[in-house]
C-alpha cells in the first residue's frame, strides 16, 4: 500500500499526528521500533509518575482517566487504548 505520510515514532507526538491526519482523511502509516504501543513507557522505572496532572496529559479525542499524576503503566495503557479507540487506525 502507498501512504501519503509515514510517521516515524509511535509515541504521543506520532499518535497525535495520526489523529490529525485521520481527521483530514490523509492516508498514513505510523511505525515504531517497539513491538507494541506504549512499550517504552512500560520499560521505565516502576515509581515513575508524570509531574503534570492527568487533565494536562490527555491527547486529542480521548481523555486520560487516571490518578491525579499518572503512573508509567497508566500512560502505557492509555496510549494503547488511544490506538484501539479508532483515533489512529494505521499503526504498525
PDB file of N, CA and C in Angstrom:
ATOM      1  N   UNK A   1       0.836  -1.181   0.000  1.00  0.00           N
ATOM      2  CA  UNK A   1       0.000   0.000   0.000  1.00  0.00           C
ATOM      3  C   UNK A   1       0.881   1.245   0.000  1.00  0.00           C
ATOM      4  N   UNK A   2       0.411   2.281  -0.610  1.00  0.00           N
ATOM      5  CA  UNK A   2       1.125   3.557  -0.658  1.00  0.00           C
ATOM      6  C   UNK A   2       0.411   4.531   0.268  1.00  0.00           C
ATOM      7  N   UNK A   3       1.188   5.195   1.120  1.00  0.00           N
ATOM      8  CA  UNK A   3       0.654   6.163   2.075  1.00  0.00           C
ATOM      9  C   UNK A   3       1.095   7.566   1.687  1.00  0.00           C
ATOM     10  N   UNK A   4       0.273   8.542   2.002  1.00  0.00           N
ATOM     11  CA  UNK A   4       0.647   9.937   1.790  1.00  0.00           C
ATOM     12  C   UNK A   4       1.726  10.369   2.780  1.00  0.00           C
ATOM     13  N   UNK A   5       1.649   9.833   4.013  1.00  0.00           N
ATOM     14  CA  UNK A   5       2.566  10.225   5.081  1.00  0.00           C
ATOM     15  C   UNK A   5       3.008   8.991   5.846  1.00  0.00           C
ATOM     16  N   UNK A   6       4.300   8.922   6.171  1.00  0.00           N
ATOM     17  CA  UNK A   6       4.822   7.900   7.069  1.00  0.00           C
ATOM     18  C   UNK A   6       5.339   8.626   8.309  1.00  0.00           C
ATOM     19  N   UNK A   7       4.832   8.224   9.464  1.00  0.00           N
ATOM     20  CA  UNK A   7       5.232   8.823  10.742  1.00  0.00           C
ATOM     21  C   UNK A   7       6.185   7.864  11.418  1.00  0.00           C
ATOM     22  N   UNK A   8       7.372   8.338  11.741  1.00  0.00           N
ATOM     23  CA  UNK A   8       8.358   7.507  12.423  1.00  0.00           C
ATOM     24  C   UNK A   8       8.299   7.846  13.905  1.00  0.00           C
ATOM     25  N   UNK A   9       7.824   6.894  14.686  1.00  0.00           N
ATOM     26  CA  UNK A   9       7.694   7.071  16.126  1.00  0.00           C
ATOM     27  C   UNK A   9       6.240   7.018  16.547  1.00  0.00           C
ATOM     28  N   UNK A  10       5.913   6.017  17.356  1.00  0.00           N
ATOM     29  CA  UNK A  10       4.540   5.818  17.799  1.00  0.00           C
ATOM     30  C   UNK A  10       4.285   6.293  19.209  1.00  0.00           C
ATOM     31  N   UNK A  11       5.021   7.308  19.645  1.00  0.00           N
ATOM     32  CA  UNK A  11       4.762   7.897  20.965  1.00  0.00           C
ATOM     33  C   UNK A  11       3.628   8.905  20.878  1.00  0.00           C
ATOM     34  N   UNK A  12       3.541   9.760  21.895  1.00  0.00           N
ATOM     35  CA  UNK A  12       2.443  10.717  21.945  1.00  0.00           C
ATOM     36  C   UNK A  12       2.399  11.609  20.702  1.00  0.00           C
ATOM     37  N   UNK A  13       3.529  12.141  20.280  1.00  0.00           N
ATOM     38  CA  UNK A  13       3.542  13.053  19.129  1.00  0.00           C
ATOM     39  C   UNK A  13       3.124  12.336  17.848  1.00  0.00           C
ATOM     40  N   UNK A  14       3.617  11.130  17.648  1.00  0.00           N
ATOM     41  CA  UNK A  14       3.248  10.367  16.461  1.00  0.00           C
ATOM     42  C   UNK A  14       1.773  10.011  16.439  1.00  0.00           C
ATOM     43  N   UNK A  15       1.228   9.650  17.591  1.00  0.00           N
ATOM     44  CA  UNK A  15      -0.193   9.309  17.666  1.00  0.00           C
ATOM     45  C   UNK A  15      -1.082  10.522  17.422  1.00  0.00           C
ATOM     46  N   UNK A  16      -0.681  11.678  17.941  1.00  0.00           N
ATOM     47  CA  UNK A  16      -1.457  12.897  17.708  1.00  0.00           C
ATOM     48  C   UNK A  16      -1.387  13.281  16.233  1.00  0.00           C
ATOM     49  N   UNK A  17      -0.238  13.109  15.615  1.00  0.00           N
ATOM     50  CA  UNK A  17      -0.124  13.383  14.187  1.00  0.00           C
ATOM     51  C   UNK A  17      -1.074  12.464  13.409  1.00  0.00           C
ATOM     52  N   UNK A  18      -1.107  11.187  13.765  1.00  0.00           N
ATOM     53  CA  UNK A  18      -2.023  10.248  13.118  1.00  0.00           C
ATOM     54  C   UNK A  18      -3.475  10.643  13.322  1.00  0.00           C
ATOM     55  N   UNK A  19      -3.808  11.084  14.515  1.00  0.00           N
ATOM     56  CA  UNK A  19      -5.170  11.538  14.822  1.00  0.00           C
ATOM     57  C   UNK A  19      -5.572  12.679  13.889  1.00  0.00           C
ATOM     58  N   UNK A  20      -4.682  13.658  13.738  1.00  0.00           N
ATOM     59  CA  UNK A  20      -4.984  14.810  12.897  1.00  0.00           C
ATOM     60  C   UNK A  20      -5.023  14.448  11.414  1.00  0.00           C
ATOM     61  N   UNK A  21      -4.134  13.568  10.975  1.00  0.00           N
ATOM     62  CA  UNK A  21      -4.166  13.135   9.578  1.00  0.00           C
ATOM     63  C   UNK A  21      -5.449  12.367   9.272  1.00  0.00           C
ATOM     64  N   UNK A  22      -5.855  11.509  10.212  1.00  0.00           N
ATOM     65  CA  UNK A  22      -7.092  10.749  10.005  1.00  0.00           C
ATOM     66  C   UNK A  22      -8.289  11.682   9.878  1.00  0.00           C
ATOM     67  N   UNK A  23      -8.340  12.710  10.721  1.00  0.00           N
ATOM     68  CA  UNK A  23      -9.434  13.672  10.654  1.00  0.00           C
ATOM     69  C   UNK A  23      -9.452  14.430   9.333  1.00  0.00           C
ATOM     70  N   UNK A  24      -8.292  14.525   8.698  1.00  0.00           N
ATOM     71  CA  UNK A  24      -8.198  15.209   7.403  1.00  0.00           C
ATOM     72  C   UNK A  24      -8.264  14.231   6.228  1.00  0.00           C
ATOM     73  N   UNK A  25      -8.520  12.955   6.554  1.00  0.00           N
ATOM     74  CA  UNK A  25      -8.654  11.889   5.550  1.00  0.00           C
ATOM     75  C   UNK A  25      -7.402  11.733   4.685  1.00  0.00           C
ATOM     76  N   UNK A  26      -6.240  11.844   5.332  1.00  0.00           N
ATOM     77  CA  UNK A  26      -4.948  11.633   4.687  1.00  0.00           C
ATOM     78  C   UNK A  26      -4.470  10.242   5.069  1.00  0.00           C
ATOM     79  N   UNK A  27      -4.034   9.453   4.092  1.00  0.00           N
ATOM     80  CA  UNK A  27      -3.560   8.101   4.407  1.00  0.00           C
ATOM     81  C   UNK A  27      -2.177   8.188   5.060  1.00  0.00           C
ATOM     82  N   UNK A  28      -1.966   7.346   6.074  1.00  0.00           N
ATOM     83  CA  UNK A  28      -0.707   7.407   6.817  1.00  0.00           C
ATOM     84  C   UNK A  28      -0.368   6.050   7.411  1.00  0.00           C
ATOM     85  N   UNK A  29       0.889   5.928   7.788  1.00  0.00           N
ATOM     86  CA  UNK A  29       1.394   4.756   8.491  1.00  0.00           C
ATOM     87  C   UNK A  29       2.251   5.256   9.638  1.00  0.00           C
ATOM     88  N   UNK A  30       2.024   4.720  10.832  1.00  0.00           N
ATOM     89  CA  UNK A  30       2.878   5.019  11.983  1.00  0.00           C
ATOM     90  C   UNK A  30       3.747   3.799  12.221  1.00  0.00           C
ATOM     91  N   UNK A  31       5.043   4.019  12.259  1.00  0.00           N
ATOM     92  CA  UNK A  31       5.969   2.918  12.512  1.00  0.00           C
ATOM     93  C   UNK A  31       6.822   3.251  13.736  1.00  0.00           C
ATOM     94  N   UNK A  32       7.215   2.226  14.470  1.00  0.00           N
ATOM     95  CA  UNK A  32       7.970   2.430  15.702  1.00  0.00           C
ATOM     96  C   UNK A  32       8.882   1.231  15.918  1.00  0.00           C
ATOM     97  N   UNK A  33       9.978   1.442  16.603  1.00  0.00           N
ATOM     98  CA  UNK A  33      10.917   0.352  16.889  1.00  0.00           C
ATOM     99  C   UNK A  33      10.347  -0.648  17.897  1.00  0.00           C
ATOM    100  N   UNK A  34       9.445  -0.199  18.749  1.00  0.00           N
ATOM    101  CA  UNK A  34       8.844  -1.075  19.753  1.00  0.00           C
ATOM    102  C   UNK A  34       7.817  -1.998  19.106  1.00  0.00           C
ATOM    103  N   UNK A  35       7.593  -3.126  19.738  1.00  0.00           N
ATOM    104  CA  UNK A  35       6.654  -4.097  19.171  1.00  0.00           C
ATOM    105  C   UNK A  35       5.194  -3.762  19.472  1.00  0.00           C
ATOM    106  N   UNK A  36       4.941  -2.919  20.493  1.00  0.00           N
ATOM    107  CA  UNK A  36       3.566  -2.518  20.782  1.00  0.00           C
ATOM    108  C   UNK A  36       3.532  -1.085  21.289  1.00  0.00           C
ATOM    109  N   UNK A  37       2.388  -0.462  21.133  1.00  0.00           N
ATOM    110  CA  UNK A  37       2.202   0.923  21.563  1.00  0.00           C
ATOM    111  C   UNK A  37       2.351   1.013  23.077  1.00  0.00           C
ATOM    112  N   UNK A  38       3.102   2.001  23.543  1.00  0.00           N
ATOM    113  CA  UNK A  38       3.298   2.222  24.977  1.00  0.00           C
ATOM    114  C   UNK A  38       4.405   1.393  25.605  1.00  0.00           C
ATOM    115  N   UNK A  39       5.073   0.572  24.815  1.00  0.00           N
ATOM    116  CA  UNK A  39       6.106  -0.325  25.362  1.00  0.00           C
ATOM    117  C   UNK A  39       7.243   0.440  26.034  1.00  0.00           C
ATOM    118  N   UNK A  40       7.664   1.562  25.467  1.00  0.00           N
ATOM    119  CA  UNK A  40       8.766   2.308  26.083  1.00  0.00           C
ATOM    120  C   UNK A  40       8.377   2.833  27.463  1.00  0.00           C
ATOM    121  N   UNK A  41       7.100   3.165  27.652  1.00  0.00           N
ATOM    122  CA  UNK A  41       6.653   3.603  28.969  1.00  0.00           C
ATOM    123  C   UNK A  41       6.714   2.457  29.972  1.00  0.00           C
ATOM    124  N   UNK A  42       6.349   1.264  29.544  1.00  0.00           N
ATOM    125  CA  UNK A  42       6.368   0.107  30.448  1.00  0.00           C
ATOM    126  C   UNK A  42       7.774  -0.238  30.914  1.00  0.00           C
ATOM    127  N   UNK A  43       8.783   0.120  30.139  1.00  0.00           N
ATOM    128  CA  UNK A  43      10.165  -0.207  30.467  1.00  0.00           C
ATOM    129  C   UNK A  43      10.808   0.797  31.425  1.00  0.00           C
ATOM    130  N   UNK A  44      10.135   1.845  31.750  1.00  0.00           N
ATOM    131  CA  UNK A  44      10.680   2.859  32.649  1.00  0.00           C
ATOM    132  C   UNK A  44      10.646   2.353  34.097  1.00  0.00           C
ATOM    133  N   UNK A  45      11.292   3.070  34.989  1.00  0.00           N
ATOM    134  CA  UNK A  45      11.358   2.632  36.381  1.00  0.00           C
ATOM    135  C   UNK A  45       9.966   2.648  37.030  1.00  0.00           C
ATOM    136  N   UNK A  46       9.742   1.713  37.938  1.00  0.00           N
ATOM    137  CA  UNK A  46       8.412   1.446  38.492  1.00  0.00           C
ATOM    138  C   UNK A  46       7.768   2.621  39.222  1.00  0.00           C
ATOM    139  N   UNK A  47       8.536   3.471  39.854  1.00  0.00           N
ATOM    140  CA  UNK A  47       7.944   4.562  40.634  1.00  0.00           C
ATOM    141  C   UNK A  47       7.681   5.825  39.798  1.00  0.00           C
ATOM    142  N   UNK A  48       7.914   5.757  38.494  1.00  0.00           N
ATOM    143  CA  UNK A  48       7.732   6.936  37.641  1.00  0.00           C
ATOM    144  C   UNK A  48       6.280   7.391  37.606  1.00  0.00           C
ATOM    145  N   UNK A  49       6.080   8.665  37.811  1.00  0.00           N
ATOM    146  CA  UNK A  49       4.779   9.329  37.664  1.00  0.00           C
ATOM    147  C   UNK A  49       5.011  10.598  36.854  1.00  0.00           C
ATOM    148  N   UNK A  50       4.009  10.992  36.087  1.00  0.00           N
ATOM    149  CA  UNK A  50       4.107  12.267  35.397  1.00  0.00           C
ATOM    150  C   UNK A  50       4.078  13.390  36.428  1.00  0.00           C
ATOM    151  N   UNK A  51       4.713  14.488  36.122  1.00  0.00           N
ATOM    152  CA  UNK A  51       4.681  15.621  37.043  1.00  0.00           C
ATOM    153  C   UNK A  51       3.574  16.606  36.673  1.00  0.00           C
ATOM    154  N   UNK A  52       2.761  16.241  35.681  1.00  0.00           N
ATOM    155  CA  UNK A  52       1.592  17.040  35.317  1.00  0.00           C
ATOM    156  C   UNK A  52       0.334  16.219  35.585  1.00  0.00           C
ATOM    157  N   UNK A  53      -0.752  16.874  35.990  1.00  0.00           N
ATOM    158  CA  UNK A  53      -1.999  16.150  36.241  1.00  0.00           C
ATOM    159  C   UNK A  53      -2.565  15.526  34.972  1.00  0.00           C
ATOM    160  N   UNK A  54      -3.430  14.544  35.158  1.00  0.00           N
ATOM    161  CA  UNK A  54      -3.996  13.814  34.024  1.00  0.00           C
ATOM    162  C   UNK A  54      -4.694  14.728  33.019  1.00  0.00           C
ATOM    163  N   UNK A  55      -5.370  15.772  33.469  1.00  0.00           N
ATOM    164  CA  UNK A  55      -6.113  16.626  32.542  1.00  0.00           C
ATOM    165  C   UNK A  55      -5.202  17.444  31.627  1.00  0.00           C
ATOM    166  N   UNK A  56      -3.909  17.578  31.961  1.00  0.00           N
ATOM    167  CA  UNK A  56      -2.956  18.238  31.073  1.00  0.00           C
ATOM    168  C   UNK A  56      -2.259  17.242  30.147  1.00  0.00           C
ATOM    169  N   UNK A  57      -2.451  15.968  30.382  1.00  0.00           N
ATOM    170  CA  UNK A  57      -1.706  14.937  29.652  1.00  0.00           C
ATOM    171  C   UNK A  57      -2.550  14.184  28.633  1.00  0.00           C
ATOM    172  N   UNK A  58      -3.806  14.519  28.509  1.00  0.00           N
ATOM    173  CA  UNK A  58      -4.688  13.850  27.549  1.00  0.00           C
ATOM    174  C   UNK A  58      -4.305  14.212  26.119  1.00  0.00           C
ATOM    175  N   UNK A  59      -4.511  13.270  25.228  1.00  0.00           N
ATOM    176  CA  UNK A  59      -4.315  13.507  23.803  1.00  0.00           C
ATOM    177  C   UNK A  59      -5.661  13.881  23.187  1.00  0.00           C
ATOM    178  N   UNK A  60      -5.646  14.544  22.024  1.00  0.00           N
ATOM    179  CA  UNK A  60      -6.911  14.956  21.408  1.00  0.00           C
ATOM    180  C   UNK A  60      -7.834  13.768  21.161  1.00  0.00           C
ATOM    181  N   UNK A  61      -9.093  13.933  21.512  1.00  0.00           N
ATOM    182  CA  UNK A  61     -10.092  12.918  21.220  1.00  0.00           C
ATOM    183  C   UNK A  61     -10.308  11.861  22.282  1.00  0.00           C
ATOM    184  N   UNK A  62      -9.467  11.811  23.307  1.00  0.00           N
ATOM    185  CA  UNK A  62      -9.650  10.806  24.361  1.00  0.00           C
ATOM    186  C   UNK A  62      -9.074  11.329  25.672  1.00  0.00           C
ATOM    187  N   UNK A  63      -9.938  11.503  26.646  1.00  0.00           N
ATOM    188  CA  UNK A  63      -9.495  11.989  27.961  1.00  0.00           C
ATOM    189  C   UNK A  63      -8.737  10.898  28.692  1.00  0.00           C
ATOM    190  N   UNK A  64      -7.650  11.289  29.305  1.00  0.00           N
ATOM    191  CA  UNK A  64      -6.868  10.379  30.146  1.00  0.00           C
ATOM    192  C   UNK A  64      -7.546  10.298  31.501  1.00  0.00           C
ATOM    193  N   UNK A  65      -8.104   9.139  31.800  1.00  0.00           N
ATOM    194  CA  UNK A  65      -8.749   8.907  33.092  1.00  0.00           C
ATOM    195  C   UNK A  65      -7.755   8.154  33.954  1.00  0.00           C
ATOM    196  N   UNK A  66      -7.085   8.881  34.826  1.00  0.00           N
ATOM    197  CA  UNK A  66      -6.047   8.268  35.652  1.00  0.00           C
ATOM    198  C   UNK A  66      -6.035   8.945  37.015  1.00  0.00           C
ATOM    199  N   UNK A  67      -5.109   8.489  37.835  1.00  0.00           N
ATOM    200  CA  UNK A  67      -4.883   9.171  39.105  1.00  0.00           C
ATOM    201  C   UNK A  67      -4.432  10.591  38.782  1.00  0.00           C
ATOM    202  N   UNK A  68      -4.435  11.438  39.751  1.00  0.00           N
ATOM    203  CA  UNK A  68      -4.077  12.832  39.535  1.00  0.00           C
ATOM    204  C   UNK A  68      -2.763  12.970  38.761  1.00  0.00           C
ATOM    205  N   UNK A  69      -1.753  12.219  39.156  1.00  0.00           N
ATOM    206  CA  UNK A  69      -0.467  12.216  38.463  1.00  0.00           C
ATOM    207  C   UNK A  69      -0.228  10.788  37.973  1.00  0.00           C
ATOM    208  N   UNK A  70      -0.495  10.523  36.685  1.00  0.00           N
ATOM    209  CA  UNK A  70      -0.493   9.152  36.159  1.00  0.00           C
ATOM    210  C   UNK A  70       0.851   8.440  36.300  1.00  0.00           C
ATOM    211  N   UNK A  71       0.761   7.134  36.510  1.00  0.00           N
ATOM    212  CA  UNK A  71       1.954   6.288  36.562  1.00  0.00           C
ATOM    213  C   UNK A  71       2.382   5.921  35.148  1.00  0.00           C
ATOM    214  N   UNK A  72       3.554   5.344  35.036  1.00  0.00           N
ATOM    215  CA  UNK A  72       4.066   4.916  33.730  1.00  0.00           C
ATOM    216  C   UNK A  72       3.150   3.876  33.097  1.00  0.00           C
ATOM    217  N   UNK A  73       2.605   2.982  33.890  1.00  0.00           N
ATOM    218  CA  UNK A  73       1.711   1.951  33.357  1.00  0.00           C
ATOM    219  C   UNK A  73       0.376   2.536  32.899  1.00  0.00           C
ATOM    220  N   UNK A  74      -0.121   3.528  33.622  1.00  0.00           N
ATOM    221  CA  UNK A  74      -1.355   4.188  33.192  1.00  0.00           C
ATOM    222  C   UNK A  74      -1.158   4.889  31.849  1.00  0.00           C
ATOM    223  N   UNK A  75       0.001   5.500  31.657  1.00  0.00           N
ATOM    224  CA  UNK A  75       0.282   6.157  30.375  1.00  0.00           C
ATOM    225  C   UNK A  75       0.409   5.110  29.270  1.00  0.00           C
ATOM    226  N   UNK A  76       1.113   4.024  29.524  1.00  0.00           N
ATOM    227  CA  UNK A  76       1.263   2.961  28.525  1.00  0.00           C
ATOM    228  C   UNK A  76      -0.095   2.401  28.117  1.00  0.00           C
ATOM    229  N   UNK A  77      -0.942   2.135  29.094  1.00  0.00           N
ATOM    230  CA  UNK A  77      -2.285   1.606  28.808  1.00  0.00           C
ATOM    231  C   UNK A  77      -3.138   2.629  28.065  1.00  0.00           C
ATOM    232  N   UNK A  78      -3.010   3.882  28.425  1.00  0.00           N
ATOM    233  CA  UNK A  78      -3.756   4.951  27.754  1.00  0.00           C
ATOM    234  C   UNK A  78      -3.356   5.042  26.278  1.00  0.00           C
ATOM    235  N   UNK A  79      -2.053   4.984  25.999  1.00  0.00           N
ATOM    236  CA  UNK A  79      -1.599   5.068  24.604  1.00  0.00           C
ATOM    237  C   UNK A  79      -2.109   3.889  23.783  1.00  0.00           C
ATOM    238  N   UNK A  80      -2.111   2.718  24.389  1.00  0.00           N
ATOM    239  CA  UNK A  80      -2.643   1.544  23.692  1.00  0.00           C
ATOM    240  C   UNK A  80      -4.140   1.710  23.433  1.00  0.00           C
ATOM    241  N   UNK A  81      -4.875   2.172  24.435  1.00  0.00           N
ATOM    242  CA  UNK A  81      -6.303   2.426  24.274  1.00  0.00           C
ATOM    243  C   UNK A  81      -6.549   3.473  23.186  1.00  0.00           C
ATOM    244  N   UNK A  82      -5.699   4.472  23.131  1.00  0.00           N
ATOM    245  CA  UNK A  82      -5.836   5.544  22.144  1.00  0.00           C
ATOM    246  C   UNK A  82      -5.831   4.980  20.728  1.00  0.00           C
ATOM    247  N   UNK A  83      -5.013   3.983  20.475  1.00  0.00           N
ATOM    248  CA  UNK A  83      -4.958   3.399  19.128  1.00  0.00           C
ATOM    249  C   UNK A  83      -6.121   2.448  18.883  1.00  0.00           C
ATOM    250  N   UNK A  84      -6.652   1.820  19.908  1.00  0.00           N
ATOM    251  CA  UNK A  84      -7.759   0.882  19.708  1.00  0.00           C
ATOM    252  C   UNK A  84      -9.105   1.585  19.661  1.00  0.00           C
ATOM    253  N   UNK A  85      -9.158   2.827  20.091  1.00  0.00           N
ATOM    254  CA  UNK A  85     -10.402   3.588  20.058  1.00  0.00           C
ATOM    255  C   UNK A  85     -10.628   4.232  18.695  1.00  0.00           C
ATOM    256  N   UNK A  86      -9.928   3.726  17.665  1.00  0.00           N
ATOM    257  CA  UNK A  86     -10.089   4.220  16.294  1.00  0.00           C
ATOM    258  C   UNK A  86      -9.651   5.674  16.146  1.00  0.00           C
ATOM    259  N   UNK A  87      -8.813   6.150  17.059  1.00  0.00           N
ATOM    260  CA  UNK A  87      -8.302   7.520  16.916  1.00  0.00           C
ATOM    261  C   UNK A  87      -7.248   7.554  15.821  1.00  0.00           C
ATOM    262  N   UNK A  88      -6.392   6.547  15.824  1.00  0.00           N
ATOM    263  CA  UNK A  88      -5.376   6.417  14.775  1.00  0.00           C
ATOM    264  C   UNK A  88      -5.494   4.997  14.263  1.00  0.00           C
ATOM    265  N   UNK A  89      -5.769   4.834  13.012  1.00  0.00           N
ATOM    266  CA  UNK A  89      -6.126   3.496  12.514  1.00  0.00           C
ATOM    267  C   UNK A  89      -4.979   2.737  11.874  1.00  0.00           C
ATOM    268  N   UNK A  90      -3.921   3.374  11.458  1.00  0.00           N
ATOM    269  CA  UNK A  90      -2.856   2.662  10.746  1.00  0.00           C
ATOM    270  C   UNK A  90      -1.566   2.669  11.576  1.00  0.00           C
ATOM    271  N   UNK A  91      -1.506   1.853  12.610  1.00  0.00           N
ATOM    272  CA  UNK A  91      -0.306   1.753  13.436  1.00  0.00           C
ATOM    273  C   UNK A  91       0.337   0.405  13.224  1.00  0.00           C
ATOM    274  N   UNK A  92       1.637   0.389  13.074  1.00  0.00           N
ATOM    275  CA  UNK A  92       2.335  -0.893  12.967  1.00  0.00           C
ATOM    276  C   UNK A  92       3.735  -0.769  13.549  1.00  0.00           C
TER     277      UNK A  92
END
